[in-house]
Amino acid sequence: MPDQTTPEAPTPEHGDRAAALQHVRAVAAWYSEQIGRELRAAAPNTGRLEELKRQREQVMVDQQAVGEAGGQELARITAVYAARLQELRGE
């Protein structure tokens, strides 16, 4: 019987971690895109730009947390960022 703890054997957390990272990275990309748009605007809205940067920084902190998070925390991060992405995209 193969050892289920070997790196070759996927763990339930592996999928959760990948899903969490996918959602967090998608939200980070959205903020980066919006920051770029604001910077390219003829008259950038500095208040919006600062808020976008602040939000993106928090996303980066959460992205780092994914590496250390356990199953329940990964599920929470995934749910939060999936919902945020839908909201940001207007879905």
N, C-alpha and C. Protein backbone atom coordinates (compact mmCIF):
# COMPACT_ATOMS: atom_id res chain seq x y z
N MET A 1 0.85 -1.19 0.00
CA MET A 1 0.00 0.00 0.00
C MET A 1 0.89 1.24 0.00
N PRO A 2 0.66 2.19 -0.92
CA PRO A 2 1.51 3.38 -0.98
C PRO A 2 1.30 4.28 0.23
N ASP A 3 2.37 4.93 0.61
CA ASP A 3 2.32 5.88 1.72
C ASP A 3 1.56 7.12 1.25
N GLN A 4 0.46 7.46 1.92
CA GLN A 4 -0.39 8.58 1.52
C GLN A 4 0.18 9.94 1.91
N THR A 5 1.32 9.95 2.61
CA THR A 5 1.91 11.23 3.00
C THR A 5 3.07 11.64 2.10
N THR A 6 3.37 10.83 1.09
CA THR A 6 4.47 11.18 0.19
C THR A 6 4.07 12.38 -0.66
N PRO A 7 5.06 13.14 -1.15
CA PRO A 7 4.74 14.31 -1.98
C PRO A 7 3.95 13.96 -3.23
N GLU A 8 4.12 12.75 -3.74
CA GLU A 8 3.40 12.36 -4.95
C GLU A 8 1.90 12.18 -4.72
N ALA A 9 1.53 11.88 -3.49
CA ALA A 9 0.12 11.65 -3.18
C ALA A 9 -0.55 12.98 -2.88
N PRO A 10 -1.51 13.40 -3.71
CA PRO A 10 -2.18 14.68 -3.43
C PRO A 10 -2.95 14.59 -2.12
N THR A 11 -2.95 15.68 -1.41
CA THR A 11 -3.71 15.74 -0.17
C THR A 11 -4.95 16.59 -0.40
N PRO A 12 -5.98 16.44 0.41
CA PRO A 12 -7.17 17.28 0.25
C PRO A 12 -6.82 18.77 0.32
N GLU A 13 -5.85 19.13 1.17
CA GLU A 13 -5.47 20.53 1.30
C GLU A 13 -4.83 21.07 0.04
N HIS A 14 -4.16 20.19 -0.73
CA HIS A 14 -3.49 20.66 -1.94
C HIS A 14 -4.48 21.33 -2.88
N GLY A 15 -5.62 20.69 -3.11
CA GLY A 15 -6.64 21.28 -3.96
C GLY A 15 -7.20 22.55 -3.38
N ASP A 16 -7.41 22.56 -2.07
CA ASP A 16 -7.92 23.75 -1.41
C ASP A 16 -6.93 24.91 -1.53
N ARG A 17 -5.65 24.62 -1.35
CA ARG A 17 -4.63 25.65 -1.44
C ARG A 17 -4.56 26.20 -2.87
N ALA A 18 -4.64 25.32 -3.86
CA ALA A 18 -4.61 25.76 -5.25
C ALA A 18 -5.81 26.64 -5.57
N ALA A 19 -6.99 26.26 -5.09
CA ALA A 19 -8.20 27.05 -5.32
C ALA A 19 -8.09 28.41 -4.64
N ALA A 20 -7.59 28.42 -3.41
CA ALA A 20 -7.43 29.69 -2.68
C ALA A 20 -6.47 30.60 -3.43
N LEU A 21 -5.33 30.06 -3.85
CA LEU A 21 -4.36 30.87 -4.58
C LEU A 21 -4.93 31.39 -5.89
N GLN A 22 -5.69 30.56 -6.58
CA GLN A 22 -6.29 30.98 -7.84
C GLN A 22 -7.19 32.19 -7.63
N HIS A 23 -8.03 32.14 -6.62
CA HIS A 23 -8.96 33.24 -6.35
C HIS A 23 -8.23 34.49 -5.86
N VAL A 24 -7.28 34.31 -4.97
CA VAL A 24 -6.54 35.46 -4.44
C VAL A 24 -5.76 36.13 -5.57
N ARG A 25 -5.11 35.34 -6.41
CA ARG A 25 -4.34 35.91 -7.52
C ARG A 25 -5.25 36.63 -8.53
N ALA A 26 -6.43 36.10 -8.75
CA ALA A 26 -7.37 36.75 -9.68
C ALA A 26 -7.80 38.11 -9.13
N VAL A 27 -8.04 38.19 -7.84
CA VAL A 27 -8.41 39.47 -7.22
C VAL A 27 -7.23 40.44 -7.28
N ALA A 28 -6.03 39.95 -7.00
CA ALA A 28 -4.84 40.81 -7.08
C ALA A 28 -4.67 41.35 -8.50
N ALA A 29 -4.90 40.50 -9.49
CA ALA A 29 -4.78 40.92 -10.89
C ALA A 29 -5.82 41.99 -11.21
N TRP A 30 -7.03 41.84 -10.69
CA TRP A 30 -8.07 42.85 -10.93
C TRP A 30 -7.63 44.20 -10.38
N TYR A 31 -7.13 44.20 -9.14
CA TYR A 31 -6.67 45.46 -8.55
C TYR A 31 -5.51 46.05 -9.35
N SER A 32 -4.57 45.22 -9.77
CA SER A 32 -3.44 45.71 -10.56
C SER A 32 -3.91 46.32 -11.87
N GLU A 33 -4.87 45.69 -12.51
CA GLU A 33 -5.43 46.22 -13.75
C GLU A 33 -6.09 47.57 -13.52
N GLN A 34 -6.86 47.69 -12.45
CA GLN A 34 -7.54 48.94 -12.14
C GLN A 34 -6.54 50.05 -11.79
N ILE A 35 -5.48 49.68 -11.09
CA ILE A 35 -4.43 50.66 -10.76
C ILE A 35 -3.80 51.16 -12.05
N GLY A 36 -3.49 50.26 -12.97
CA GLY A 36 -2.92 50.65 -14.25
C GLY A 36 -3.84 51.57 -15.03
N ARG A 37 -5.11 51.25 -15.05
CA ARG A 37 -6.08 52.11 -15.74
C ARG A 37 -6.13 53.49 -15.13
N GLU A 38 -6.12 53.53 -13.81
CA GLU A 38 -6.20 54.82 -13.12
C GLU A 38 -4.94 55.64 -13.40
N LEU A 39 -3.79 54.99 -13.41
CA LEU A 39 -2.54 55.70 -13.69
C LEU A 39 -2.48 56.23 -15.12
N ARG A 40 -3.13 55.52 -16.05
CA ARG A 40 -3.13 55.96 -17.44
C ARG A 40 -4.22 56.99 -17.74
N ALA A 41 -5.10 57.21 -16.82
CA ALA A 41 -6.19 58.17 -17.03
C ALA A 41 -5.63 59.58 -17.18
N ALA A 42 -6.33 60.38 -17.97
CA ALA A 42 -5.91 61.77 -18.18
C ALA A 42 -5.84 62.53 -16.86
N ALA A 43 -6.80 62.27 -15.99
CA ALA A 43 -6.84 62.91 -14.66
C ALA A 43 -7.10 61.83 -13.62
N PRO A 44 -6.05 61.14 -13.17
CA PRO A 44 -6.24 60.05 -12.20
C PRO A 44 -6.93 60.51 -10.92
N ASN A 45 -7.81 59.68 -10.44
CA ASN A 45 -8.48 59.94 -9.17
C ASN A 45 -7.56 59.41 -8.07
N THR A 46 -6.86 60.33 -7.40
CA THR A 46 -5.86 59.91 -6.42
C THR A 46 -6.47 59.17 -5.23
N GLY A 47 -7.67 59.53 -4.84
CA GLY A 47 -8.34 58.82 -3.76
C GLY A 47 -8.62 57.38 -4.12
N ARG A 48 -9.15 57.18 -5.32
CA ARG A 48 -9.43 55.81 -5.80
C ARG A 48 -8.13 55.04 -5.96
N LEU A 49 -7.12 55.69 -6.49
CA LEU A 49 -5.83 55.04 -6.69
C LEU A 49 -5.25 54.55 -5.36
N GLU A 50 -5.29 55.39 -4.35
CA GLU A 50 -4.78 55.00 -3.03
C GLU A 50 -5.59 53.83 -2.45
N GLU A 51 -6.91 53.87 -2.62
CA GLU A 51 -7.75 52.78 -2.12
C GLU A 51 -7.44 51.48 -2.85
N LEU A 52 -7.28 51.54 -4.15
CA LEU A 52 -6.93 50.35 -4.93
C LEU A 52 -5.59 49.77 -4.46
N LYS A 53 -4.62 50.63 -4.23
CA LYS A 53 -3.31 50.17 -3.76
C LYS A 53 -3.41 49.54 -2.38
N ARG A 54 -4.22 50.16 -1.51
CA ARG A 54 -4.41 49.62 -0.16
C ARG A 54 -5.06 48.24 -0.21
N GLN A 55 -6.07 48.11 -1.05
CA GLN A 55 -6.76 46.82 -1.19
C GLN A 55 -5.82 45.77 -1.76
N ARG A 56 -5.03 46.14 -2.77
CA ARG A 56 -4.10 45.17 -3.36
C ARG A 56 -3.06 44.73 -2.34
N GLU A 57 -2.60 45.64 -1.52
CA GLU A 57 -1.62 45.28 -0.48
C GLU A 57 -2.21 44.25 0.48
N GLN A 58 -3.48 44.43 0.87
CA GLN A 58 -4.13 43.46 1.74
C GLN A 58 -4.25 42.10 1.06
N VAL A 59 -4.53 42.11 -0.23
CA VAL A 59 -4.61 40.86 -0.98
C VAL A 59 -3.25 40.16 -0.95
N MET A 60 -2.17 40.91 -1.07
CA MET A 60 -0.84 40.31 -1.05
C MET A 60 -0.55 39.68 0.32
N VAL A 61 -1.00 40.32 1.38
CA VAL A 61 -0.85 39.76 2.72
C VAL A 61 -1.61 38.44 2.81
N ASP A 62 -2.84 38.44 2.30
CA ASP A 62 -3.64 37.22 2.33
C ASP A 62 -3.04 36.12 1.47
N GLN A 63 -2.43 36.51 0.36
CA GLN A 63 -1.79 35.51 -0.51
C GLN A 63 -0.66 34.81 0.25
N GLN A 64 0.10 35.55 1.02
CA GLN A 64 1.15 34.95 1.84
C GLN A 64 0.55 34.01 2.90
N ALA A 65 -0.60 34.38 3.44
CA ALA A 65 -1.25 33.58 4.47
C ALA A 65 -1.71 32.23 3.92
N VAL A 66 -1.99 32.15 2.64
CA VAL A 66 -2.45 30.89 2.04
C VAL A 66 -1.39 29.80 2.25
N GLY A 67 -0.12 30.16 2.19
CA GLY A 67 0.94 29.18 2.36
C GLY A 67 0.97 28.54 3.73
N GLU A 68 0.48 29.24 4.72
CA GLU A 68 0.50 28.75 6.10
C GLU A 68 -0.86 28.24 6.58
N ALA A 69 -1.91 28.51 5.83
CA ALA A 69 -3.27 28.22 6.29
C ALA A 69 -3.58 26.72 6.28
N GLY A 70 -4.43 26.33 7.23
CA GLY A 70 -4.93 24.96 7.28
C GLY A 70 -6.24 24.85 6.51
N GLY A 71 -6.84 23.70 6.57
CA GLY A 71 -8.04 23.40 5.79
C GLY A 71 -9.19 24.37 5.95
N GLN A 72 -9.57 24.67 7.19
CA GLN A 72 -10.70 25.58 7.41
C GLN A 72 -10.38 27.00 6.97
N GLU A 73 -9.15 27.44 7.24
CA GLU A 73 -8.75 28.79 6.84
C GLU A 73 -8.66 28.88 5.32
N LEU A 74 -8.17 27.82 4.67
CA LEU A 74 -8.14 27.81 3.21
C LEU A 74 -9.54 27.91 2.63
N ALA A 75 -10.46 27.18 3.22
CA ALA A 75 -11.85 27.23 2.75
C ALA A 75 -12.43 28.63 2.92
N ARG A 76 -12.10 29.29 4.04
CA ARG A 76 -12.59 30.65 4.29
C ARG A 76 -11.99 31.62 3.27
N ILE A 77 -10.69 31.53 3.05
CA ILE A 77 -10.03 32.42 2.09
C ILE A 77 -10.60 32.22 0.70
N THR A 78 -10.79 30.97 0.32
CA THR A 78 -11.35 30.67 -1.00
C THR A 78 -12.73 31.29 -1.15
N ALA A 79 -13.58 31.11 -0.16
CA ALA A 79 -14.94 31.65 -0.22
C ALA A 79 -14.94 33.18 -0.27
N VAL A 80 -14.12 33.80 0.57
CA VAL A 80 -14.05 35.26 0.61
C VAL A 80 -13.59 35.82 -0.72
N TYR A 81 -12.55 35.23 -1.28
CA TYR A 81 -12.00 35.77 -2.52
C TYR A 81 -12.83 35.40 -3.74
N ALA A 82 -13.51 34.28 -3.71
CA ALA A 82 -14.43 33.95 -4.81
C ALA A 82 -15.57 34.97 -4.84
N ALA A 83 -16.10 35.29 -3.66
CA ALA A 83 -17.18 36.28 -3.58
C ALA A 83 -16.68 37.67 -3.97
N ARG A 84 -15.49 38.03 -3.52
CA ARG A 84 -14.95 39.34 -3.85
C ARG A 84 -14.73 39.47 -5.35
N LEU A 85 -14.22 38.43 -5.98
CA LEU A 85 -13.99 38.46 -7.41
C LEU A 85 -15.29 38.64 -8.18
N GLN A 86 -16.33 37.92 -7.77
CA GLN A 86 -17.64 38.10 -8.40
C GLN A 86 -18.13 39.53 -8.25
N GLU A 87 -17.98 40.07 -7.06
CA GLU A 87 -18.41 41.44 -6.78
C GLU A 87 -17.63 42.44 -7.63
N LEU A 88 -16.32 42.27 -7.70
CA LEU A 88 -15.48 43.19 -8.46
C LEU A 88 -15.80 43.14 -9.95
N ARG A 89 -16.14 41.97 -10.43
CA ARG A 89 -16.47 41.81 -11.85
C ARG A 89 -17.92 42.15 -12.16
N GLY A 90 -18.69 42.41 -11.10
CA GLY A 90 -20.10 42.75 -11.30
C GLY A 90 -20.95 41.56 -11.67
N GLU A 91 -20.59 40.39 -11.21
CA GLU A 91 -21.33 39.17 -11.54
C GLU A 91 -22.40 38.88 -10.51
